[in-house]
C-alpha atoms as a PDB file:
ATOM      1  CA  UNK A   1     105.350 128.827  83.335  1.00  0.00           C
ATOM      2  CA  UNK A   2     106.264 125.223  85.324  1.00  0.00           C
ATOM      3  CA  UNK A   3     105.770 121.796  83.841  1.00  0.00           C
ATOM      4  CA  UNK A   4     103.528 120.539  86.900  1.00  0.00           C
ATOM      5  CA  UNK A   5     102.563 116.692  87.320  1.00  0.00           C
ATOM      6  CA  UNK A   6      99.811 115.471  88.992  1.00  0.00           C
ATOM      7  CA  UNK A   7     100.101 111.864  90.083  1.00  0.00           C
ATOM      8  CA  UNK A   8      96.596 110.951  90.659  1.00  0.00           C
ATOM      9  CA  UNK A   9      93.617 112.743  89.915  1.00  0.00           C
ATOM     10  CA  UNK A  10      91.002 111.873  92.343  1.00  0.00           C
ATOM     11  CA  UNK A  11      89.176 113.848  95.133  1.00  0.00           C
ATOM     12  CA  UNK A  12      92.759 115.642  96.866  1.00  0.00           C
ATOM     13  CA  UNK A  13      94.538 115.484  92.989  1.00  0.00           C
ATOM     14  CA  UNK A  14      91.060 117.880  91.727  1.00  0.00           C
ATOM     15  CA  UNK A  15      92.080 120.176  94.708  1.00  0.00           C
ATOM     16  CA  UNK A  16      95.882 120.500  93.606  1.00  0.00           C
ATOM     17  CA  UNK A  17      94.914 120.896  89.704  1.00  0.00           C
ATOM     18  CA  UNK A  18      92.357 123.677  90.329  1.00  0.00           C
ATOM     19  CA  UNK A  19      94.985 125.037  92.945  1.00  0.00           C
ATOM     20  CA  UNK A  20      97.850 125.407  90.445  1.00  0.00           C
ATOM     21  CA  UNK A  21      95.630 126.180  87.433  1.00  0.00           C
ATOM     22  CA  UNK A  22      94.224 129.483  89.542  1.00  0.00           C
ATOM     23  CA  UNK A  23      97.771 130.588  90.176  1.00  0.00           C
ATOM     24  CA  UNK A  24      98.370 131.244  86.466  1.00  0.00           C
ATOM     25  CA  UNK A  25     101.590 129.952  86.748  1.00  0.00           C
ATOM     26  CA  UNK A  26     101.573 126.013  85.529  1.00  0.00           C
ATOM     27  CA  UNK A  27     101.193 123.889  82.673  1.00  0.00           C
ATOM     28  CA  UNK A  28      99.542 120.779  84.036  1.00  0.00           C
ATOM     29  CA  UNK A  29      99.858 117.440  83.128  1.00  0.00           C
ATOM     30  CA  UNK A  30      98.429 114.351  84.859  1.00  0.00           C
ATOM     31  CA  UNK A  31      99.083 110.448  85.703  1.00  0.00           C
ATOM     32  CA  UNK A  32      95.514 108.498  86.307  1.00  0.00           C
ATOM     33  CA  UNK A  33      95.672 104.809  86.130  1.00  0.00           C
ATOM     34  CA  UNK A  34      91.394 104.916  86.601  1.00  0.00           C
ATOM     35  CA  UNK A  35      90.356 105.593  82.955  1.00  0.00           C
ATOM     36  CA  UNK A  36      87.134 107.111  84.058  1.00  0.00           C
ATOM     37  CA  UNK A  37      88.674 109.587  86.695  1.00  0.00           C
ATOM     38  CA  UNK A  38      91.646 110.390  83.855  1.00  0.00           C
ATOM     39  CA  UNK A  39      88.871 111.329  80.862  1.00  0.00           C
ATOM     40  CA  UNK A  40      86.654 113.370  83.594  1.00  0.00           C
ATOM     41  CA  UNK A  41      90.062 115.293  84.591  1.00  0.00           C
ATOM     42  CA  UNK A  42      90.986 115.783  80.949  1.00  0.00           C
ATOM     43  CA  UNK A  43      87.141 117.376  80.525  1.00  0.00           C
ATOM     44  CA  UNK A  44      87.509 119.872  83.557  1.00  0.00           C
ATOM     45  CA  UNK A  45      91.004 121.092  83.342  1.00  0.00           C
ATOM     46  CA  UNK A  46      93.495 122.381  80.820  1.00  0.00           C
ATOM     47  CA  UNK A  47      95.594 119.407  81.045  1.00  0.00           C
ATOM     48  CA  UNK A  48      98.612 119.566  78.338  1.00  0.00           C
ATOM     49  CA  UNK A  49      99.503 115.447  78.729  1.00  0.00           C
ATOM     50  CA  UNK A  50      97.514 112.698  80.300  1.00  0.00           C
ATOM     51  CA  UNK A  51      98.945 109.363  81.183  1.00  0.00           C
ATOM     52  CA  UNK A  52      97.722 106.379  82.409  1.00  0.00           C
ATOM     53  CA  UNK A  53     100.988 104.694  83.372  1.00  0.00           C
ATOM     54  CA  UNK A  54     103.973 106.340  85.396  1.00  0.00           C
ATOM     55  CA  UNK A  55     106.286 104.354  83.608  1.00  0.00           C
ATOM     56  CA  UNK A  56     105.464 106.081  80.065  1.00  0.00           C
ATOM     57  CA  UNK A  57     106.469 109.869  81.475  1.00  0.00           C
ATOM     58  CA  UNK A  58     109.279 111.302  81.030  1.00  0.00           C
ATOM     59  CA  UNK A  59     109.774 112.593  84.538  1.00  0.00           C
ATOM     60  CA  UNK A  60     112.584 114.928  83.628  1.00  0.00           C
ATOM     61  CA  UNK A  61     110.348 116.938  81.186  1.00  0.00           C
ATOM     62  CA  UNK A  62     108.545 118.534  84.397  1.00  0.00           C
ATOM     63  CA  UNK A  63     109.558 121.305  86.893  1.00  0.00           C
ATOM     64  CA  UNK A  64     107.271 119.797  89.778  1.00  0.00           C
ATOM     65  CA  UNK A  65     105.106 116.640  90.605  1.00  0.00           C
ATOM     66  CA  UNK A  66     102.654 116.878  93.208  1.00  0.00           C
ATOM     67  CA  UNK A  67     101.489 112.945  94.542  1.00  0.00           C
ATOM     68  CA  UNK A  68      98.053 112.732  95.439  1.00  0.00           C
ATOM     69  CA  UNK A  69      97.816 108.776  94.936  1.00  0.00           C
ATOM     70  CA  UNK A  70      96.992 106.598  98.060  1.00  0.00           C
ATOM     71  CA  UNK A  71      99.321 106.874 100.870  1.00  0.00           C
ATOM     72  CA  UNK A  72     100.611 103.089 100.246  1.00  0.00           C
ATOM     73  CA  UNK A  73     101.764 104.339  97.029  1.00  0.00           C
ATOM     74  CA  UNK A  74     103.711 107.131  98.300  1.00  0.00           C
ATOM     75  CA  UNK A  75     107.628 105.708  98.989  1.00  0.00           C
ATOM     76  CA  UNK A  76     107.842 104.307  95.445  1.00  0.00           C
ATOM     77  CA  UNK A  77     106.649 107.528  93.670  1.00  0.00           C
ATOM     78  CA  UNK A  78     108.881 109.332  95.903  1.00  0.00           C
ATOM     79  CA  UNK A  79     112.073 107.009  95.308  1.00  0.00           C
ATOM     80  CA  UNK A  80     110.840 107.540  91.078  1.00  0.00           C
ATOM     81  CA  UNK A  81     111.075 111.496  92.054  1.00  0.00           C
ATOM     82  CA  UNK A  82     114.697 111.341  93.469  1.00  0.00           C
ATOM     83  CA  UNK A  83     115.414 109.003  90.619  1.00  0.00           C
ATOM     84  CA  UNK A  84     114.557 111.554  87.725  1.00  0.00           C
ATOM     85  CA  UNK A  85     116.256 114.604  90.243  1.00  0.00           C
ATOM     86  CA  UNK A  86     112.264 115.672  89.922  1.00  0.00           C
ATOM     87  CA  UNK A  87     111.310 117.988  92.766  1.00  0.00           C
ATOM     88  CA  UNK A  88     107.764 117.254  94.471  1.00  0.00           C
ATOM     89  CA  UNK A  89     104.997 117.617  96.738  1.00  0.00           C
ATOM     90  CA  UNK A  90     103.570 114.444  98.109  1.00  0.00           C
ATOM     91  CA  UNK A  91     100.285 114.229  99.864  1.00  0.00           C
ATOM     92  CA  UNK A  92      99.834 113.631 103.297  1.00  0.00           C
ATOM     93  CA  UNK A  93     100.824 110.938 105.107  1.00  0.00           C
ATOM     94  CA  UNK A  94     103.924 110.443 104.431  1.00  0.00           C
ATOM     95  CA  UNK A  95     103.277 106.329 104.319  1.00  0.00           C
ATOM     96  CA  UNK A  96     101.593 103.833 106.034  1.00  0.00           C
ATOM     97  CA  UNK A  97     103.931 102.142 107.661  1.00  0.00           C
ATOM     98  CA  UNK A  98     107.989 102.766 108.117  1.00  0.00           C
ATOM     99  CA  UNK A  99     108.964 100.626 105.066  1.00  0.00           C
ATOM    100  CA  UNK A 100     111.190 102.131 102.800  1.00  0.00           C
ATOM    101  CA  UNK A 101     110.975 105.503 104.242  1.00  0.00           C
ATOM    102  CA  UNK A 102     114.619 106.354 105.731  1.00  0.00           C
ATOM    103  CA  UNK A 103     115.523 105.038 102.408  1.00  0.00           C
ATOM    104  CA  UNK A 104     113.359 107.263 100.324  1.00  0.00           C
ATOM    105  CA  UNK A 105     114.109 110.072 102.248  1.00  0.00           C
ATOM    106  CA  UNK A 106     117.945 109.089 101.965  1.00  0.00           C
ATOM    107  CA  UNK A 107     118.069 109.131  98.120  1.00  0.00           C
ATOM    108  CA  UNK A 108     115.789 112.719  98.157  1.00  0.00           C
ATOM    109  CA  UNK A 109     118.418 114.056 100.282  1.00  0.00           C
ATOM    110  CA  UNK A 110     120.784 112.482  97.626  1.00  0.00           C
ATOM    111  CA  UNK A 111     119.483 114.046  94.704  1.00  0.00           C
ATOM    112  CA  UNK A 112     119.255 117.401  96.114  1.00  0.00           C
ATOM    113  CA  UNK A 113     116.098 118.336  95.131  1.00  0.00           C
ATOM    114  CA  UNK A 114     112.845 120.204  96.817  1.00  0.00           C
ATOM    115  CA  UNK A 115     110.416 117.976  98.563  1.00  0.00           C
ATOM    116  CA  UNK A 116     107.793 119.091 100.648  1.00  0.00           C
ATOM    117  CA  UNK A 117     104.284 117.230 102.265  1.00  0.00           C
ATOM    118  CA  UNK A 118     101.062 118.623 101.709  1.00  0.00           C
ATOM    119  CA  UNK A 119     100.034 119.264 105.274  1.00  0.00           C
ATOM    120  CA  UNK A 120      97.955 122.496 104.059  1.00  0.00           C
ATOM    121  CA  UNK A 121      97.648 124.068 107.846  1.00  0.00           C
ATOM    122  CA  UNK A 122     101.261 124.889 107.192  1.00  0.00           C
ATOM    123  CA  UNK A 123     100.055 128.019 105.117  1.00  0.00           C
ATOM    124  CA  UNK A 124      96.855 129.018 106.790  1.00  0.00           C
ATOM    125  CA  UNK A 125      96.894 132.562 108.033  1.00  0.00           C
ATOM    126  CA  UNK A 126      95.664 131.814 111.494  1.00  0.00           C
ATOM    127  CA  UNK A 127      98.544 128.970 112.158  1.00  0.00           C
ATOM    128  CA  UNK A 128     101.239 131.096 110.557  1.00  0.00           C
ATOM    129  CA  UNK A 129      99.942 133.725 113.339  1.00  0.00           C
ATOM    130  CA  UNK A 130      99.924 131.325 115.735  1.00  0.00           C
ATOM    131  CA  UNK A 131     103.168 130.146 115.263  1.00  0.00           C
ATOM    132  CA  UNK A 132     104.939 133.588 115.368  1.00  0.00           C
ATOM    133  CA  UNK A 133     102.982 134.262 118.559  1.00  0.00           C
ATOM    134  CA  UNK A 134     104.340 131.374 120.402  1.00  0.00           C
ATOM    135  CA  UNK A 135     108.033 132.288 118.819  1.00  0.00           C
ATOM    136  CA  UNK A 136     107.493 135.592 120.034  1.00  0.00           C
ATOM    137  CA  UNK A 137     107.090 134.737 123.595  1.00  0.00           C
ATOM    138  CA  UNK A 138     103.594 136.134 123.631  1.00  0.00           C
ATOM    139  CA  UNK A 139     102.064 133.086 126.332  1.00  0.00           C
ATOM    140  CA  UNK A 140     105.868 132.599 127.412  1.00  0.00           C
ATOM    141  CA  UNK A 141     107.133 128.765 127.412  1.00  0.00           C
ATOM    142  CA  UNK A 142     104.638 126.232 125.425  1.00  0.00           C
ATOM    143  CA  UNK A 143     103.846 123.821 127.852  1.00  0.00           C
ATOM    144  CA  UNK A 144     100.396 122.265 126.935  1.00  0.00           C
ATOM    145  CA  UNK A 145      97.982 121.459 124.191  1.00  0.00           C
ATOM    146  CA  UNK A 146      94.721 120.397 124.069  1.00  0.00           C
ATOM    147  CA  UNK A 147      93.188 119.685 120.295  1.00  0.00           C
ATOM    148  CA  UNK A 148      89.586 118.698 119.567  1.00  0.00           C
ATOM    149  CA  UNK A 149      89.065 117.967 115.807  1.00  0.00           C
ATOM    150  CA  UNK A 150      85.758 116.604 115.198  1.00  0.00           C
ATOM    151  CA  UNK A 151      83.232 116.507 112.684  1.00  0.00           C
ATOM    152  CA  UNK A 152      80.206 114.516 110.818  1.00  0.00           C
ATOM    153  CA  UNK A 153      82.867 113.310 108.433  1.00  0.00           C
ATOM    154  CA  UNK A 154      80.467 111.643 106.105  1.00  0.00           C
ATOM    155  CA  UNK A 155      78.472 114.990 105.261  1.00  0.00           C
ATOM    156  CA  UNK A 156      81.624 115.821 103.760  1.00  0.00           C
ATOM    157  CA  UNK A 157      82.501 112.994 101.958  1.00  0.00           C
ATOM    158  CA  UNK A 158      79.252 110.456 101.380  1.00  0.00           C
ATOM    159  CA  UNK A 159      81.261 108.325  99.330  1.00  0.00           C
ATOM    160  CA  UNK A 160      84.079 107.480 102.255  1.00  0.00           C
ATOM    161  CA  UNK A 161      83.092 103.881 102.516  1.00  0.00           C
ATOM    162  CA  UNK A 162      84.538 103.834  98.634  1.00  0.00           C
ATOM    163  CA  UNK A 163      87.452 105.484  99.439  1.00  0.00           C
ATOM    164  CA  UNK A 164      91.127 105.148 100.380  1.00  0.00           C
ATOM    165  CA  UNK A 165      89.258 106.653 104.205  1.00  0.00           C
ATOM    166  CA  UNK A 166      87.565 102.911 104.428  1.00  0.00           C
ATOM    167  CA  UNK A 167      91.115 100.674 104.134  1.00  0.00           C
ATOM    168  CA  UNK A 168      93.996 101.084 106.953  1.00  0.00           C
ATOM    169  CA  UNK A 169      96.395  99.718 104.109  1.00  0.00           C
ATOM    170  CA  UNK A 170      95.820 102.943 102.266  1.00  0.00           C
ATOM    171  CA  UNK A 171      96.417 105.231 104.793  1.00  0.00           C
ATOM    172  CA  UNK A 172      92.481 105.853 106.205  1.00  0.00           C
ATOM    173  CA  UNK A 173      90.980 106.117 109.375  1.00  0.00           C
ATOM    174  CA  UNK A 174      90.674 108.848 112.066  1.00  0.00           C
ATOM    175  CA  UNK A 175      94.949 108.523 113.100  1.00  0.00           C
ATOM    176  CA  UNK A 176      96.874 108.116 109.794  1.00  0.00           C
ATOM    177  CA  UNK A 177      94.151 110.598 108.176  1.00  0.00           C
ATOM    178  CA  UNK A 178      92.567 113.157 109.775  1.00  0.00           C
ATOM    179  CA  UNK A 179      95.121 113.273 113.021  1.00  0.00           C
ATOM    180  CA  UNK A 180      98.394 113.330 111.046  1.00  0.00           C
ATOM    181  CA  UNK A 181      97.324 117.306 110.158  1.00  0.00           C
ATOM    182  CA  UNK A 182      97.205 117.890 113.548  1.00  0.00           C
ATOM    183  CA  UNK A 183     100.388 115.587 114.660  1.00  0.00           C
ATOM    184  CA  UNK A 184     102.311 117.897 111.907  1.00  0.00           C
ATOM    185  CA  UNK A 185     100.828 120.742 113.338  1.00  0.00           C
ATOM    186  CA  UNK A 186     102.610 119.615 116.706  1.00  0.00           C
ATOM    187  CA  UNK A 187     105.707 118.552 115.557  1.00  0.00           C
ATOM    188  CA  UNK A 188     105.898 122.101 113.925  1.00  0.00           C
ATOM    189  CA  UNK A 189     105.049 124.081 117.113  1.00  0.00           C
ATOM    190  CA  UNK A 190     106.588 121.494 119.711  1.00  0.00           C
ATOM    191  CA  UNK A 191     109.266 120.029 118.448  1.00  0.00           C
ATOM    192  CA  UNK A 192     110.190 116.252 118.517  1.00  0.00           C
ATOM    193  CA  UNK A 193     108.029 113.829 120.061  1.00  0.00           C
ATOM    194  CA  UNK A 194     109.252 111.246 122.229  1.00  0.00           C
ATOM    195  CA  UNK A 195     106.170 109.173 123.441  1.00  0.00           C
ATOM    196  CA  UNK A 196     102.554 108.707 122.497  1.00  0.00           C
ATOM    197  CA  UNK A 197      99.661 106.830 124.174  1.00  0.00           C
ATOM    198  CA  UNK A 198      96.464 106.435 122.664  1.00  0.00           C
ATOM    199  CA  UNK A 199      92.955 104.868 122.273  1.00  0.00           C
ATOM    200  CA  UNK A 200      90.993 104.359 119.410  1.00  0.00           C
ATOM    201  CA  UNK A 201      88.066 102.453 117.687  1.00  0.00           C
ATOM    202  CA  UNK A 202      85.330 102.188 115.209  1.00  0.00           C
ATOM    203  CA  UNK A 203      82.297 103.498 117.443  1.00  0.00           C
ATOM    204  CA  UNK A 204      79.872 104.249 114.845  1.00  0.00           C
ATOM    205  CA  UNK A 205      81.115 104.619 111.031  1.00  0.00           C
ATOM    206  CA  UNK A 206      79.874 101.638 109.014  1.00  0.00           C
ATOM    207  CA  UNK A 207      81.382  99.879 105.968  1.00  0.00           C
ATOM    208  CA  UNK A 208      85.043 100.492 106.908  1.00  0.00           C
ATOM    209  CA  UNK A 209      87.882  99.141 108.358  1.00  0.00           C
ATOM    210  CA  UNK A 210      89.291 101.930 109.917  1.00  0.00           C
ATOM    211  CA  UNK A 211      88.610 103.376 113.126  1.00  0.00           C
ATOM    212  CA  UNK A 212      86.079 107.167 113.653  1.00  0.00           C
ATOM    213  CA  UNK A 213      87.564 108.133 116.873  1.00  0.00           C
ATOM    214  CA  UNK A 214      90.511 108.133 118.757  1.00  0.00           C
ATOM    215  CA  UNK A 215      92.290 109.640 121.762  1.00  0.00           C
ATOM    216  CA  UNK A 216      96.134 110.574 121.637  1.00  0.00           C
ATOM    217  CA  UNK A 217      98.492 111.946 124.466  1.00  0.00           C
ATOM    218  CA  UNK A 218     101.998 113.073 123.092  1.00  0.00           C
ATOM    219  CA  UNK A 219     104.976 114.077 125.038  1.00  0.00           C
ATOM    220  CA  UNK A 220     107.825 116.053 123.521  1.00  0.00           C
ATOM    221  CA  UNK A 221     111.062 116.347 124.199  1.00  0.00           C
ATOM    222  CA  UNK A 222     110.942 119.512 125.772  1.00  0.00           C
ATOM    223  CA  UNK A 223     108.779 118.283 128.213  1.00  0.00           C
ATOM    224  CA  UNK A 224     105.607 120.032 126.953  1.00  0.00           C
ATOM    225  CA  UNK A 225     102.321 117.510 126.092  1.00  0.00           C
ATOM    226  CA  UNK A 226      99.542 117.466 124.179  1.00  0.00           C
ATOM    227  CA  UNK A 227      96.073 115.730 123.648  1.00  0.00           C
ATOM    228  CA  UNK A 228      94.326 114.955 120.648  1.00  0.00           C
ATOM    229  CA  UNK A 229      90.743 114.001 120.243  1.00  0.00           C
ATOM    230  CA  UNK A 230      88.909 113.542 116.949  1.00  0.00           C
ATOM    231  CA  UNK A 231      85.979 111.515 116.523  1.00  0.00           C
ATOM    232  CA  UNK A 232      84.508 111.785 112.982  1.00  0.00           C
ATOM    233  CA  UNK A 233      80.579 111.235 113.715  1.00  0.00           C
ATOM    234  CA  UNK A 234      79.738 113.955 116.007  1.00  0.00           C
ATOM    235  CA  UNK A 235      77.218 116.415 114.364  1.00  0.00           C
ATOM    236  CA  UNK A 236      78.642 119.988 115.279  1.00  0.00           C
ATOM    237  CA  UNK A 237      81.821 120.668 113.399  1.00  0.00           C
ATOM    238  CA  UNK A 238      84.330 121.582 116.059  1.00  0.00           C
ATOM    239  CA  UNK A 239      87.976 122.437 115.332  1.00  0.00           C
ATOM    240  CA  UNK A 240      89.200 123.939 118.711  1.00  0.00           C
ATOM    241  CA  UNK A 241      92.723 124.220 120.196  1.00  0.00           C
ATOM    242  CA  UNK A 242      94.186 126.042 123.030  1.00  0.00           C
ATOM    243  CA  UNK A 243      98.179 126.402 123.577  1.00  0.00           C
ATOM    244  CA  UNK A 244      98.549 126.683 127.222  1.00  0.00           C
ATOM    245  CA  UNK A 245     101.864 128.706 127.933  1.00  0.00           C
ATOM    246  CA  UNK A 246     103.644 129.696 131.465  1.00  0.00           C
ATOM    247  CA  UNK A 247     102.174 133.341 131.026  1.00  0.00           C
ATOM    248  CA  UNK A 248      99.005 133.081 129.153  1.00  0.00           C
ATOM    249  CA  UNK A 249      97.192 131.146 126.470  1.00  0.00           C
ATOM    250  CA  UNK A 250      96.240 130.900 122.590  1.00  0.00           C
ATOM    251  CA  UNK A 251      93.005 129.556 121.357  1.00  0.00           C
ATOM    252  CA  UNK A 252      91.777 128.843 118.305  1.00  0.00           C
ATOM    253  CA  UNK A 253      88.494 127.988 117.150  1.00  0.00           C
ATOM    254  CA  UNK A 254      88.574 127.192 113.846  1.00  0.00           C
ATOM    255  CA  UNK A 255      89.926 130.319 111.947  1.00  0.00           C
ATOM    256  CA  UNK A 256      89.334 132.386 115.238  1.00  0.00           C
ATOM    257  CA  UNK A 257      92.782 133.096 117.388  1.00  0.00           C
ATOM    258  CA  UNK A 258      92.311 134.667 120.364  1.00  0.00           C
ATOM    259  CA  UNK A 259      95.318 135.453 123.393  1.00  0.00           C
ATOM    260  CA  UNK A 260      94.263 135.101 126.834  1.00  0.00           C
ATOM    261  CA  UNK A 261      96.345 136.719 129.307  1.00  0.00           C
ATOM    262  CA  UNK A 262      94.375 136.279 133.057  1.00  0.00           C
ATOM    263  CA  UNK A 263      91.178 134.951 134.232  1.00  0.00           C
ATOM    264  CA  UNK A 264      88.366 137.294 133.303  1.00  0.00           C
ATOM    265  CA  UNK A 265      86.855 135.597 130.888  1.00  0.00           C
ATOM    266  CA  UNK A 266      87.491 138.156 128.101  1.00  0.00           C
ATOM    267  CA  UNK A 267      90.591 137.574 125.900  1.00  0.00           C
ATOM    268  CA  UNK A 268      92.814 140.050 125.659  1.00  0.00           C
ATOM    269  CA  UNK A 269      92.773 140.073 121.389  1.00  0.00           C
ATOM    270  CA  UNK A 270      90.828 138.026 119.076  1.00  0.00           C
ATOM    271  CA  UNK A 271      91.086 138.197 115.582  1.00  0.00           C
ATOM    272  CA  UNK A 272      89.009 135.850 112.850  1.00  0.00           C
ATOM    273  CA  UNK A 273      91.158 134.926 109.840  1.00  0.00           C
ATOM    274  CA  UNK A 274      88.686 133.785 107.305  1.00  0.00           C
ATOM    275  CA  UNK A 275      86.126 136.706 108.428  1.00  0.00           C
ATOM    276  CA  UNK A 276      83.989 137.608 105.009  1.00  0.00           C
ATOM    277  CA  UNK A 277      85.304 134.254 103.272  1.00  0.00           C
ATOM    278  CA  UNK A 278      83.062 131.639 102.697  1.00  0.00           C
ATOM    279  CA  UNK A 279      84.617 128.624 104.340  1.00  0.00           C
ATOM    280  CA  UNK A 280      84.543 125.665 101.579  1.00  0.00           C
ATOM    281  CA  UNK A 281      85.687 128.633  99.141  1.00  0.00           C
ATOM    282  CA  UNK A 282      88.607 129.988 101.564  1.00  0.00           C
ATOM    283  CA  UNK A 283      89.385 125.792 102.114  1.00  0.00           C
ATOM    284  CA  UNK A 284      89.871 125.818  98.448  1.00  0.00           C
ATOM    285  CA  UNK A 285      91.986 128.767  98.153  1.00  0.00           C
ATOM    286  CA  UNK A 286      94.473 127.484 100.409  1.00  0.00           C
ATOM    287  CA  UNK A 287      95.502 125.050  97.774  1.00  0.00           C
ATOM    288  CA  UNK A 288      95.905 127.728  95.329  1.00  0.00           C
ATOM    289  CA  UNK A 289      98.076 129.446  98.277  1.00  0.00           C
ATOM    290  CA  UNK A 290      99.836 125.924  98.718  1.00  0.00           C
ATOM    291  CA  UNK A 291     100.522 125.868  94.991  1.00  0.00           C
ATOM    292  CA  UNK A 292     101.990 129.080  94.921  1.00  0.00           C
ATOM    293  CA  UNK A 293     104.309 128.468  97.973  1.00  0.00           C
ATOM    294  CA  UNK A 294     105.597 125.250  95.823  1.00  0.00           C
ATOM    295  CA  UNK A 295     106.081 127.151  92.897  1.00  0.00           C
ATOM    296  CA  UNK A 296     108.113 130.056  94.992  1.00  0.00           C
ATOM    297  CA  UNK A 297     109.863 127.093  96.314  1.00  0.00           C
ATOM    298  CA  UNK A 298     111.156 126.363  93.050  1.00  0.00           C
ATOM    299  CA  UNK A 299     112.802 129.438  92.572  1.00  0.00           C
ATOM    300  CA  UNK A 300     114.438 129.440  95.880  1.00  0.00           C
ATOM    301  CA  UNK A 301     112.294 131.197  98.306  1.00  0.00           C
ATOM    302  CA  UNK A 302     111.623 130.065 101.750  1.00  0.00           C
ATOM    303  CA  UNK A 303     108.949 127.482 102.083  1.00  0.00           C
ATOM    304  CA  UNK A 304     106.817 126.436 105.079  1.00  0.00           C
ATOM    305  CA  UNK A 305     105.556 123.475 104.357  1.00  0.00           C
ATOM    306  CA  UNK A 306     106.450 120.346 106.226  1.00  0.00           C
ATOM    307  CA  UNK A 307     109.590 118.401 105.182  1.00  0.00           C
ATOM    308  CA  UNK A 308     109.934 114.933 104.394  1.00  0.00           C
ATOM    309  CA  UNK A 309     111.905 114.316 107.904  1.00  0.00           C
ATOM    310  CA  UNK A 310     109.185 116.222 109.712  1.00  0.00           C
ATOM    311  CA  UNK A 311     106.399 114.428 108.043  1.00  0.00           C
ATOM    312  CA  UNK A 312     108.199 111.514 108.993  1.00  0.00           C
ATOM    313  CA  UNK A 313     107.886 112.944 112.922  1.00  0.00           C
ATOM    314  CA  UNK A 314     104.294 112.859 112.210  1.00  0.00           C
ATOM    315  CA  UNK A 315     103.673 109.277 110.630  1.00  0.00           C
ATOM    316  CA  UNK A 316     106.126 108.165 113.787  1.00  0.00           C
ATOM    317  CA  UNK A 317     103.474 109.462 116.115  1.00  0.00           C
ATOM    318  CA  UNK A 318     100.538 108.221 114.087  1.00  0.00           C
ATOM    319  CA  UNK A 319     101.888 104.795 113.995  1.00  0.00           C
ATOM    320  CA  UNK A 320     102.916 104.807 117.251  1.00  0.00           C
ATOM    321  CA  UNK A 321      99.415 105.633 118.190  1.00  0.00           C
ATOM    322  CA  UNK A 322      97.894 103.016 116.784  1.00  0.00           C
ATOM    323  CA  UNK A 323     100.588 100.280 118.488  1.00  0.00           C
ATOM    324  CA  UNK A 324     100.086 101.851 121.558  1.00  0.00           C
ATOM    325  CA  UNK A 325      96.623 100.562 121.925  1.00  0.00           C
ATOM    326  CA  UNK A 326      96.946  97.767 119.893  1.00  0.00           C
ATOM    327  CA  UNK A 327      99.715  96.454 122.551  1.00  0.00           C
ATOM    328  CA  UNK A 328      98.076  98.611 125.569  1.00  0.00           C
ATOM    329  CA  UNK A 329     101.264  99.986 126.355  1.00  0.00           C
ATOM    330  CA  UNK A 330     103.000 103.945 126.079  1.00  0.00           C
ATOM    331  CA  UNK A 331     105.312 103.770 122.930  1.00  0.00           C
ATOM    332  CA  UNK A 332     108.695 105.447 123.334  1.00  0.00           C
ATOM    333  CA  UNK A 333     109.666 107.192 119.681  1.00  0.00           C
END
């Protein structure tokens, strides 16, 4: 069994602890500086070692690290893993600025270790099917994408004002936190981004220094374009995307993927990839899929999770989107 070190045992860290525990393939240890959270995690999970400080950990004794600390700490933690030649997965976003990112990536490449970023949609069955259909030419050349990913965020994270989400320097807000999932999906499907323009603001949510709404337009090297809309205060939970090609469309509504090739108003084919599943249980199950994907990658199998270089592109989109509205310009990437 692989020895896995979870760095950070807050909300996302616990999802990973549950995911790796469910694989039956991992022996778990944690690093958590907050005493209360550390004690809770020790009571909840089968943990072999528990540390308050990464400096007390022999990183070379582990097979894999999962970095779940706030995004402003990712770069030094990535660098520490590279120095110990410890394979790792780091949660999204890759960082909150570009400072030190390229040096960290270079250190990982020099160490020759496995490194991935936790954009969990890459192991979602509906996204994998979407990508396969686009690659197979089902809708011709992909030229345009519209995405609306909006929800009543306080319903799902009632503690949001007390978490990293409320602080832009820790990677919170609609752009770096929520939209980065969509940016990664678009990079995976559409390639290298070359320009971004946006508007963003905190329209409703109180008690934060971050935006709850963003409108982002992206141009890719292929000439294709995408438009991303997110708000985090509306009541319906909407996750809709249209992928428009030269021969037809693919639409994704949560987990329902449909293929359209005429104007009849009826899709040629529709499939719900979560049919019969409870959404909250299915979401947690995807952390088990992600854990298995990382453990498989340790064994040399292919892994679809984002590379550091791909996550760098998503970060450039996010930072470019912020700079676009702050300076009222279109940002070249």
